[in-house]
Amino acid sequence: MTKFKCLILIEREVGRDYRHAVSKVLVNSGCLYSLAWGIGCSAWDDSVDWAFLEAYDFGAYPEEKFVMTTWHEDESLEEAVEFAKHCTEYSEVKLDDILVLDFAHYERGDFIKKLYLTA
């Protein structure tokens, strides 16, 4: 994937340092839209924003590399997944590829995939 969106689902605590490391990888890997839902989702939103700013040494950046971030703390999981599927148009870039990071206590990949495909 070179340009993609990332849906971050958080249902367990994730440490600040690990969150920042993941955010840096996302920005450096071509993530152009990051959506966070769940526990501390606004911290994930901030973390990706800071990782983006750091990647360009807090200065000018190419407009086509800008990373849009949103957090969805007052929405259901289903609403956040639907938003990820339908409301993430990024400028002229169509983001068909999605990476889902699911910080849950149990494996639920099939469930999340089904939610996304039926949204």
Protein backbone atom coordinates (compact mmCIF):
# COMPACT_ATOMS: atom_id res chain seq x y z
CA MET A 1 0.00 0.00 0.00
CA THR A 2 1.36 3.38 -0.88
CA LYS A 3 -1.60 5.60 -0.07
CA PHE A 4 -4.13 4.28 2.39
CA LYS A 5 -6.48 5.04 5.22
CA CYS A 6 -6.15 3.50 8.66
CA LEU A 7 -8.96 2.68 11.05
CA ILE A 8 -7.61 2.38 14.59
CA LEU A 9 -9.93 0.56 16.99
CA ILE A 10 -8.96 0.75 20.67
CA GLU A 11 -10.67 -1.40 23.29
CA ARG A 12 -7.71 -1.84 25.62
CA GLU A 13 -5.05 0.45 27.00
CA VAL A 14 -2.12 1.20 24.68
CA GLY A 15 0.99 2.89 26.06
CA ARG A 16 1.98 6.36 24.92
CA ASP A 17 5.38 5.29 23.55
CA TYR A 18 3.91 2.41 21.55
CA ARG A 19 1.11 4.66 20.25
CA HIS A 20 3.70 7.20 19.08
CA ALA A 21 5.83 4.51 17.41
CA VAL A 22 2.80 3.15 15.53
CA SER A 23 1.79 6.68 14.51
CA LYS A 24 5.24 7.34 13.06
CA VAL A 25 5.11 4.12 11.06
CA LEU A 26 1.68 5.04 9.69
CA VAL A 27 2.82 8.49 8.57
CA ASN A 28 6.04 7.16 7.05
CA SER A 29 4.21 4.34 5.25
CA GLY A 30 1.78 6.45 3.25
CA CYS A 31 -1.25 6.76 5.51
CA LEU A 32 -3.25 9.78 4.35
CA TYR A 33 -6.29 9.39 6.58
CA SER A 34 -6.31 8.12 10.16
CA LEU A 35 -9.56 7.40 12.01
CA ALA A 36 -9.52 6.47 15.68
CA TRP A 37 -12.37 4.95 17.70
CA GLY A 38 -12.52 3.69 21.26
CA ILE A 39 -10.56 4.19 24.48
CA GLY A 40 -8.37 7.27 24.25
CA CYS A 41 -9.14 7.78 20.58
CA SER A 42 -8.40 11.51 20.79
CA ALA A 43 -4.88 10.63 22.02
CA TRP A 44 -4.41 8.53 18.86
CA ASP A 45 -5.63 11.46 16.76
CA ASP A 46 -3.09 13.74 18.45
CA SER A 47 -0.34 11.15 18.15
CA VAL A 48 -0.74 10.81 14.38
CA ASP A 49 -0.85 14.62 14.07
CA TRP A 50 2.42 14.94 16.02
CA ALA A 51 4.06 12.15 14.01
CA PHE A 52 3.12 13.97 10.81
CA LEU A 53 4.52 17.28 12.05
CA GLU A 54 7.72 15.58 13.21
CA ALA A 55 8.15 13.89 9.83
CA TYR A 56 8.48 17.35 8.27
CA ASP A 57 10.46 18.86 11.14
CA PHE A 58 7.45 21.04 12.06
CA GLY A 59 7.85 22.96 8.81
CA ALA A 60 6.56 22.96 5.27
CA TYR A 61 5.25 19.70 3.85
CA PRO A 62 4.00 18.55 0.45
CA GLU A 63 0.23 19.06 0.33
CA GLU A 64 -0.29 15.62 -1.20
CA LYS A 65 1.33 14.02 1.88
CA PHE A 66 -0.94 15.69 4.44
CA VAL A 67 -2.52 13.20 6.86
CA MET A 68 -6.13 13.92 7.80
CA THR A 69 -7.06 12.66 11.27
CA THR A 70 -10.42 12.14 12.94
CA TRP A 71 -11.56 10.62 16.19
CA HIS A 72 -14.96 9.11 16.87
CA GLU A 73 -15.45 8.88 20.63
CA ASP A 74 -19.20 9.48 20.68
CA GLU A 75 -20.03 7.03 17.90
CA SER A 76 -20.75 3.33 17.86
CA LEU A 77 -18.24 0.94 16.32
CA GLU A 78 -20.62 0.46 13.40
CA GLU A 79 -20.82 4.21 12.80
CA ALA A 80 -17.03 4.58 12.87
CA VAL A 81 -16.59 1.70 10.41
CA GLU A 82 -19.22 3.18 8.09
CA PHE A 83 -17.46 6.56 8.24
CA ALA A 84 -14.17 4.86 7.39
CA LYS A 85 -15.73 3.27 4.33
CA HIS A 86 -17.75 6.18 2.96
CA CYS A 87 -16.47 9.49 4.30
CA THR A 88 -12.73 9.47 3.82
CA GLU A 89 -12.29 11.08 0.43
CA TYR A 90 -8.95 12.85 0.58
CA SER A 91 -8.59 15.69 -1.90
CA GLU A 92 -7.95 14.19 -5.34
CA VAL A 93 -6.70 10.90 -3.93
CA LYS A 94 -9.15 8.01 -3.75
CA LEU A 95 -8.23 5.83 -0.78
CA ASP A 96 -9.46 2.33 -1.58
CA ASP A 97 -6.92 0.57 0.61
CA ILE A 98 -7.59 0.39 4.33
CA LEU A 99 -5.48 -0.88 7.19
CA VAL A 100 -7.36 -1.77 10.37
CA LEU A 101 -5.42 -1.77 13.63
CA ASP A 102 -7.60 -3.46 16.22
CA PHE A 103 -6.38 -3.15 19.79
CA ALA A 104 -8.89 -5.52 21.34
CA HIS A 105 -8.74 -8.25 23.95
CA TYR A 106 -9.64 -10.95 21.43
CA GLU A 107 -9.39 -11.68 17.71
CA ARG A 108 -12.29 -10.20 15.76
CA GLY A 109 -10.92 -9.68 12.28
CA ASP A 110 -13.77 -11.49 10.55
CA PHE A 111 -16.34 -9.42 12.47
CA ILE A 112 -14.67 -6.10 11.55
CA LYS A 113 -14.29 -7.18 7.91
CA LYS A 114 -18.00 -8.06 7.75
CA LEU A 115 -18.94 -4.68 9.27
CA TYR A 116 -16.81 -2.88 6.69
CA LEU A 117 -18.10 -4.84 3.72
CA THR A 118 -21.76 -4.34 4.68
CA ALA A 119 -21.42 -0.64 5.63
